[in-house]
Amino acid sequence: MNSLLTGLLARRETGLIEEIEKLEKRIIRMENQADAECWLLEDDIRQAQFEADCKLIEEYEEGIRTGLPKEEILASLVNGALHRIKATMQ
């Protein structure tokens, strides 16, 4: 009787260990996926910042070409940046 109970407990313990190992592997896969998605988001953010910088430079150069005073150009750039910030917050 004792050997039967010991055998059943050993099988149950083995099954639990296997389930725990499966869960650990699943957690690792989920962590890896989250890391990959984080890298993609960081790349997207860098790209968006680069595009925003390019837009500011283009606007500044356009202001210079049209002969606007630098104060007006800077005021326009700040205004545009504030408008974009407000638009993204809505």
Protein backbone atom coordinates (compact mmCIF):
# COMPACT_ATOMS: atom_id res chain seq x y z
CA MET A 1 0.00 0.00 0.00
CA ASN A 2 2.79 2.41 0.92
CA SER A 3 4.62 1.71 -2.34
CA LEU A 4 1.41 2.35 -4.30
CA LEU A 5 0.90 5.70 -2.58
CA THR A 6 4.56 6.57 -3.06
CA GLY A 7 4.28 5.76 -6.76
CA LEU A 8 1.13 7.85 -7.17
CA LEU A 9 2.71 10.78 -5.34
CA ALA A 10 5.86 10.51 -7.46
CA ARG A 11 3.80 10.55 -10.68
CA ARG A 12 1.77 13.48 -9.42
CA GLU A 13 4.95 15.34 -8.45
CA THR A 14 6.47 14.62 -11.88
CA GLY A 15 3.32 15.96 -13.56
CA LEU A 16 3.44 19.12 -11.47
CA ILE A 17 7.12 19.64 -12.27
CA GLU A 18 6.38 19.24 -15.98
CA GLU A 19 3.55 21.78 -15.76
CA ILE A 20 5.81 24.22 -13.92
CA GLU A 21 8.49 23.80 -16.59
CA LYS A 22 5.91 24.44 -19.32
CA LEU A 23 4.76 27.59 -17.53
CA GLU A 24 8.37 28.77 -17.13
CA LYS A 25 8.98 28.31 -20.86
CA ARG A 26 5.76 30.17 -21.66
CA ILE A 27 6.76 33.05 -19.38
CA ILE A 28 10.18 33.24 -21.04
CA ARG A 29 8.54 33.35 -24.50
CA MET A 30 6.19 36.11 -23.33
CA GLU A 31 9.11 38.10 -21.88
CA ASN A 32 11.06 37.73 -25.13
CA GLN A 33 8.05 38.88 -27.13
CA ALA A 34 7.58 41.88 -24.82
CA ASP A 35 11.26 42.78 -25.22
CA ALA A 36 10.98 42.58 -29.01
CA GLU A 37 7.86 44.77 -29.00
CA CYS A 38 9.64 47.26 -26.74
CA TRP A 39 12.52 47.51 -29.22
CA LEU A 40 10.04 48.09 -32.05
CA LEU A 41 8.33 50.85 -30.09
CA GLU A 42 11.66 52.49 -29.33
CA ASP A 43 12.53 52.37 -33.04
CA ASP A 44 9.15 53.94 -33.87
CA ILE A 45 9.75 56.69 -31.31
CA ARG A 46 13.23 57.40 -32.70
CA GLN A 47 11.82 57.54 -36.23
CA ALA A 48 9.04 59.91 -35.16
CA GLN A 49 11.56 62.16 -33.40
CA PHE A 50 13.78 62.17 -36.48
CA GLU A 51 10.83 63.10 -38.72
CA ALA A 52 9.79 65.87 -36.31
CA ASP A 53 13.35 67.23 -36.29
CA CYS A 54 13.42 67.19 -40.10
CA LYS A 55 10.11 69.05 -40.21
CA LEU A 56 11.41 71.74 -37.84
CA ILE A 57 14.56 72.18 -39.92
CA GLU A 58 12.49 72.45 -43.12
CA GLU A 59 10.21 75.04 -41.52
CA TYR A 60 13.22 77.02 -40.29
CA GLU A 61 14.88 76.93 -43.72
CA GLU A 62 11.61 77.99 -45.37
CA GLY A 63 11.38 80.96 -43.02
CA ILE A 64 14.93 81.99 -43.87
CA ARG A 65 14.25 81.66 -47.62
CA THR A 66 11.19 83.88 -47.36
CA GLY A 67 13.20 86.49 -45.48
CA LEU A 68 11.33 86.40 -42.18
CA PRO A 69 13.14 87.72 -39.11
CA LYS A 70 14.58 84.96 -36.92
CA GLU A 71 12.30 85.93 -34.04
CA GLU A 72 9.24 85.34 -36.24
CA ILE A 73 10.63 82.04 -37.48
CA LEU A 74 11.29 80.83 -33.94
CA ALA A 75 7.87 82.00 -32.76
CA SER A 76 6.28 80.12 -35.65
CA LEU A 77 8.27 76.97 -34.86
CA VAL A 78 7.32 77.10 -31.19
CA ASN A 79 3.68 77.72 -32.11
CA GLY A 80 3.72 74.76 -34.49
CA ALA A 81 5.35 72.52 -31.88
CA LEU A 82 2.76 73.51 -29.26
CA HIS A 83 -0.05 72.84 -31.73
CA ARG A 84 1.35 69.35 -32.49
CA ILE A 85 1.75 68.60 -28.78
CA LYS A 86 -1.85 69.61 -28.09
CA ALA A 87 -3.06 67.52 -31.04
CA THR A 88 -1.27 64.41 -29.77
CA MET A 89 -2.67 64.88 -26.26
CA GLN A 90 -6.28 64.81 -27.46
